[in-house]
Amino acid sequence: MNTVAYIVLAIHSICAIGLVLFVLLHSGKGTGVSSMLGGAMPSSPTGTGIIEKNLDRITIVFASGYAVTALALMVIYRPGS
């Protein structure tokens, strides 16, 4: 396996762990770690607070990174070589 494959695999692993952590931080119906951290924050007219919007953005970044690195590993990684 070449160096590029190792780098992409490391990024893929970081994205996978980050994706799991940030999905678990999302609240479900007013409960969760995000409401515990920002319970005193006022919510916007749409019903989601600033913390929830930022969690959404970060989760989308980790999910896109995971998808891109998964596609890159399909192209780059050659088992047995």
Protein backbone atom coordinates (compact mmCIF):
# COMPACT_ATOMS: atom_id res chain seq x y z
CA MET A 1 0.00 0.00 0.00
CA ASN A 2 1.40 3.38 -0.91
CA THR A 3 1.70 6.51 1.21
CA VAL A 4 -1.32 8.23 -0.32
CA ALA A 5 -3.53 5.29 0.63
CA TYR A 6 -2.30 5.50 4.24
CA ILE A 7 -3.07 9.23 4.38
CA VAL A 8 -6.54 8.76 2.90
CA LEU A 9 -7.18 5.87 5.30
CA ALA A 10 -6.16 8.04 8.27
CA ILE A 11 -8.49 10.85 7.14
CA HIS A 12 -11.26 8.28 6.58
CA SER A 13 -10.83 6.96 10.13
CA ILE A 14 -10.91 10.46 11.62
CA CYS A 15 -14.06 11.27 9.65
CA ALA A 16 -15.72 8.04 10.79
CA ILE A 17 -15.01 8.71 14.46
CA GLY A 18 -16.02 12.36 14.15
CA LEU A 19 -19.23 11.43 12.37
CA VAL A 20 -20.23 9.01 15.13
CA LEU A 21 -19.45 11.54 17.85
CA PHE A 22 -21.34 14.41 16.25
CA VAL A 23 -24.37 12.28 15.40
CA LEU A 24 -24.51 11.25 19.06
CA LEU A 25 -24.34 14.91 20.11
CA HIS A 26 -27.55 15.72 18.24
CA SER A 27 -30.61 16.00 20.40
CA GLY A 28 -33.79 14.12 19.83
CA LYS A 29 -37.00 15.93 20.84
CA GLY A 30 -35.32 18.29 23.27
CA THR A 31 -32.98 15.80 24.91
CA GLY A 32 -29.37 14.99 24.32
CA VAL A 33 -25.93 16.31 24.96
CA SER A 34 -26.46 19.41 22.81
CA SER A 35 -29.40 20.60 24.90
CA MET A 36 -27.39 19.91 28.04
CA LEU A 37 -24.53 22.06 26.75
CA GLY A 38 -26.70 24.89 25.44
CA GLY A 39 -29.85 24.66 27.51
CA ALA A 40 -29.76 28.35 28.38
CA MET A 41 -29.29 29.45 24.77
CA PRO A 42 -32.39 31.01 23.22
CA SER A 43 -33.70 29.31 20.13
CA SER A 44 -34.31 31.00 16.82
CA PRO A 45 -37.78 31.34 15.23
CA THR A 46 -37.24 28.08 13.34
CA GLY A 47 -36.97 26.18 16.62
CA THR A 48 -33.33 25.15 16.37
CA GLY A 49 -30.69 26.86 18.37
CA ILE A 50 -27.27 28.06 17.35
CA ILE A 51 -25.63 24.94 18.74
CA GLU A 52 -27.90 22.65 16.72
CA LYS A 53 -27.16 24.56 13.51
CA ASN A 54 -23.43 24.29 14.12
CA LEU A 55 -23.75 20.59 14.94
CA ASP A 56 -25.62 20.12 11.66
CA ARG A 57 -22.87 21.87 9.71
CA ILE A 58 -20.07 19.93 11.40
CA THR A 59 -21.90 16.64 10.88
CA ILE A 60 -22.36 17.42 7.18
CA VAL A 61 -18.64 18.17 6.84
CA PHE A 62 -17.68 14.87 8.48
CA ALA A 63 -20.22 12.95 6.38
CA SER A 64 -18.95 14.49 3.13
CA GLY A 65 -15.36 13.81 4.12
CA TYR A 66 -16.26 10.22 4.90
CA ALA A 67 -17.99 9.79 1.53
CA VAL A 68 -15.14 11.38 -0.43
CA THR A 69 -12.47 9.33 1.30
CA ALA A 70 -14.52 6.14 0.85
CA LEU A 71 -14.65 6.80 -2.90
CA ALA A 72 -10.95 7.65 -2.95
CA LEU A 73 -10.10 4.42 -1.12
CA MET A 74 -12.07 2.44 -3.71
CA VAL A 75 -9.86 3.91 -6.40
CA ILE A 76 -6.51 4.00 -4.57
CA TYR A 77 -6.48 0.88 -2.38
CA ARG A 78 -5.32 -2.32 -4.04
CA PRO A 79 -5.25 -5.30 -1.65
CA GLY A 80 -2.28 -7.60 -1.92
CA SER A 81 -0.02 -5.13 -3.68
